[in-house]
N, C-alpha and C. Protein backbone atom coordinates (compact mmCIF):
# COMPACT_ATOMS: atom_id res chain seq x y z
N MET A 1 41.42 -2.05 -85.34
CA MET A 1 41.73 -3.17 -84.56
C MET A 1 40.65 -4.11 -85.10
N ILE A 2 41.18 -5.43 -85.18
CA ILE A 2 40.23 -6.50 -85.68
C ILE A 2 40.33 -7.46 -84.26
N ILE A 3 39.25 -7.88 -83.85
CA ILE A 3 39.01 -8.94 -82.89
C ILE A 3 38.39 -9.90 -83.51
N ALA A 4 39.00 -11.19 -83.33
CA ALA A 4 38.28 -12.57 -83.82
C ALA A 4 37.80 -13.41 -82.60
N VAL A 5 36.67 -13.94 -82.37
CA VAL A 5 36.59 -14.97 -81.76
C VAL A 5 36.35 -16.29 -82.42
N ALA A 6 37.19 -17.05 -82.54
CA ALA A 6 37.14 -18.54 -83.20
C ALA A 6 37.10 -19.66 -82.19
N ASN A 7 36.70 -20.68 -82.80
CA ASN A 7 36.87 -22.06 -82.08
C ASN A 7 37.07 -22.97 -83.15
N GLN A 8 37.86 -23.70 -82.77
CA GLN A 8 38.27 -24.84 -83.75
C GLN A 8 38.01 -26.10 -83.22
N GLY A 9 37.57 -27.16 -83.73
CA GLY A 9 37.34 -28.19 -83.29
C GLY A 9 35.70 -28.43 -82.94
N GLY A 10 35.01 -27.81 -83.28
CA GLY A 10 33.35 -27.84 -83.25
C GLY A 10 32.84 -28.03 -82.09
N ALA A 11 33.11 -27.12 -80.93
CA ALA A 11 32.35 -26.98 -79.79
C ALA A 11 30.89 -26.85 -79.74
N GLN A 12 30.30 -27.61 -79.01
CA GLN A 12 28.83 -27.78 -78.92
C GLN A 12 28.32 -26.37 -78.60
N GLY A 13 26.94 -26.42 -78.80
CA GLY A 13 26.10 -25.08 -78.55
C GLY A 13 26.25 -24.96 -77.10
N GLY A 14 26.06 -23.88 -76.66
CA GLY A 14 26.07 -23.39 -75.22
C GLY A 14 27.57 -23.12 -74.61
N ALA A 15 28.36 -23.15 -75.40
CA ALA A 15 29.91 -23.18 -74.88
C ALA A 15 30.08 -21.51 -74.50
N GLY A 16 29.45 -20.79 -75.07
CA GLY A 16 29.37 -19.33 -74.88
C GLY A 16 30.15 -18.46 -75.89
N LYS A 17 30.22 -19.01 -77.06
CA LYS A 17 31.05 -18.13 -78.05
C LYS A 17 30.52 -16.95 -78.71
N ALA A 18 28.92 -17.21 -78.73
CA ALA A 18 28.21 -16.16 -79.51
C ALA A 18 28.04 -14.88 -78.37
N ILE A 19 27.98 -15.39 -77.00
CA ILE A 19 27.98 -14.27 -75.97
C ILE A 19 29.04 -13.46 -75.84
N VAL A 20 30.36 -14.30 -75.97
CA VAL A 20 31.65 -13.57 -75.78
C VAL A 20 31.70 -12.51 -77.17
N ALA A 21 31.29 -12.98 -78.23
CA ALA A 21 31.41 -12.20 -79.42
C ALA A 21 30.63 -10.80 -79.33
N ASN A 22 29.19 -11.28 -79.00
CA ASN A 22 28.31 -10.16 -78.79
C ASN A 22 28.70 -9.11 -77.72
N ASN A 23 28.97 -9.45 -76.58
CA ASN A 23 29.62 -8.71 -75.55
C ASN A 23 30.70 -7.76 -75.95
N LEU A 24 31.67 -8.41 -76.99
CA LEU A 24 32.90 -7.56 -77.29
C LEU A 24 32.63 -6.66 -78.06
N ALA A 25 31.43 -6.92 -79.07
CA ALA A 25 31.05 -6.10 -80.37
C ALA A 25 29.98 -4.77 -79.38
N LEU A 26 29.12 -5.22 -78.40
CA LEU A 26 28.53 -4.25 -77.94
C LEU A 26 29.29 -3.48 -77.01
N LEU A 27 30.49 -3.81 -76.10
CA LEU A 27 31.35 -2.88 -75.64
C LEU A 27 31.96 -2.03 -76.50
N ARG A 28 32.59 -2.42 -77.52
CA ARG A 28 33.46 -1.65 -78.45
C ARG A 28 32.24 -0.78 -79.08
N ALA A 29 31.23 -0.98 -79.54
CA ALA A 29 30.40 0.01 -80.20
C ALA A 29 29.77 1.07 -79.05
N ARG A 30 29.54 0.66 -77.81
CA ARG A 30 29.10 1.78 -77.06
C ARG A 30 30.46 2.66 -76.62
N ALA A 31 31.69 2.32 -76.98
CA ALA A 31 33.25 3.20 -76.61
C ALA A 31 33.16 3.78 -77.80
N GLY A 32 32.14 4.09 -78.84
CA GLY A 32 32.29 4.66 -80.01
C GLY A 32 33.02 4.10 -81.33
N ARG A 33 33.51 2.69 -81.34
CA ARG A 33 33.81 2.31 -82.15
C ARG A 33 32.91 1.87 -83.29
N ARG A 34 33.32 1.68 -84.53
CA ARG A 34 32.70 1.04 -85.36
C ARG A 34 32.83 -0.30 -85.59
N VAL A 35 31.67 -1.09 -85.63
CA VAL A 35 31.68 -2.50 -85.21
C VAL A 35 31.05 -3.47 -86.32
N MET A 36 31.59 -4.44 -86.73
CA MET A 36 30.79 -5.38 -87.59
C MET A 36 30.91 -6.84 -86.90
N LEU A 37 29.86 -7.67 -86.52
CA LEU A 37 29.65 -8.73 -86.21
C LEU A 37 29.26 -9.65 -87.17
N VAL A 38 30.21 -10.71 -87.57
CA VAL A 38 29.94 -11.67 -88.45
C VAL A 38 29.94 -13.09 -88.08
N ASP A 39 28.95 -13.53 -88.14
CA ASP A 39 28.62 -14.94 -87.61
C ASP A 39 28.16 -15.91 -88.59
N THR A 40 29.00 -17.32 -88.72
CA THR A 40 29.01 -18.05 -89.88
C THR A 40 27.91 -19.34 -89.45
N ASP A 41 27.59 -19.21 -87.98
CA ASP A 41 26.82 -20.42 -87.65
C ASP A 41 25.40 -20.54 -88.29
N PRO A 42 25.01 -21.31 -89.08
CA PRO A 42 23.74 -21.20 -89.55
C PRO A 42 22.53 -21.78 -88.55
N ARG A 43 23.08 -22.41 -87.73
CA ARG A 43 22.13 -23.10 -86.75
C ARG A 43 21.74 -22.09 -85.63
N ALA A 44 22.56 -21.05 -85.29
CA ALA A 44 22.31 -20.34 -83.85
C ALA A 44 23.09 -19.27 -84.37
N PRO A 45 22.22 -18.01 -85.20
CA PRO A 45 23.03 -16.85 -85.38
C PRO A 45 23.42 -16.19 -83.96
N ALA A 46 24.36 -15.27 -84.03
CA ALA A 46 24.61 -14.58 -82.99
C ALA A 46 23.65 -13.30 -82.62
N ALA A 47 22.90 -12.80 -83.79
CA ALA A 47 22.15 -11.97 -83.90
C ALA A 47 20.59 -12.33 -83.44
N ALA A 48 20.86 -13.43 -83.17
CA ALA A 48 19.22 -13.97 -82.68
C ALA A 48 18.74 -13.14 -81.52
N PRO A 49 17.16 -13.11 -81.49
CA PRO A 49 16.63 -12.22 -80.20
C PRO A 49 17.00 -12.84 -79.14
N GLY A 50 17.38 -12.04 -78.12
CA GLY A 50 17.59 -12.36 -76.98
C GLY A 50 19.05 -12.46 -76.52
N CYS A 51 19.82 -12.43 -77.75
CA CYS A 51 21.45 -12.39 -77.51
C CYS A 51 21.92 -10.99 -76.97
N TRP A 52 21.17 -9.83 -77.24
CA TRP A 52 21.55 -8.81 -76.80
C TRP A 52 20.96 -8.30 -75.58
C-alpha cells in the first residue's frame, strides 16, 4: 500500500503536513508494516528532532 501526503500550492509552514505524514508513518510502523518516509522539504525535514 502506498500512502502519499502531498500539498500543491506551496502551503506555509505550520500547516501540519509533516505531522500528518509522521503520524501516518508511525501508526503503520506500529501495526507491523514496513514504512519509508520521504520528505523533500529542505527547510523543515519531517525527521527533525521533536516531530516523533
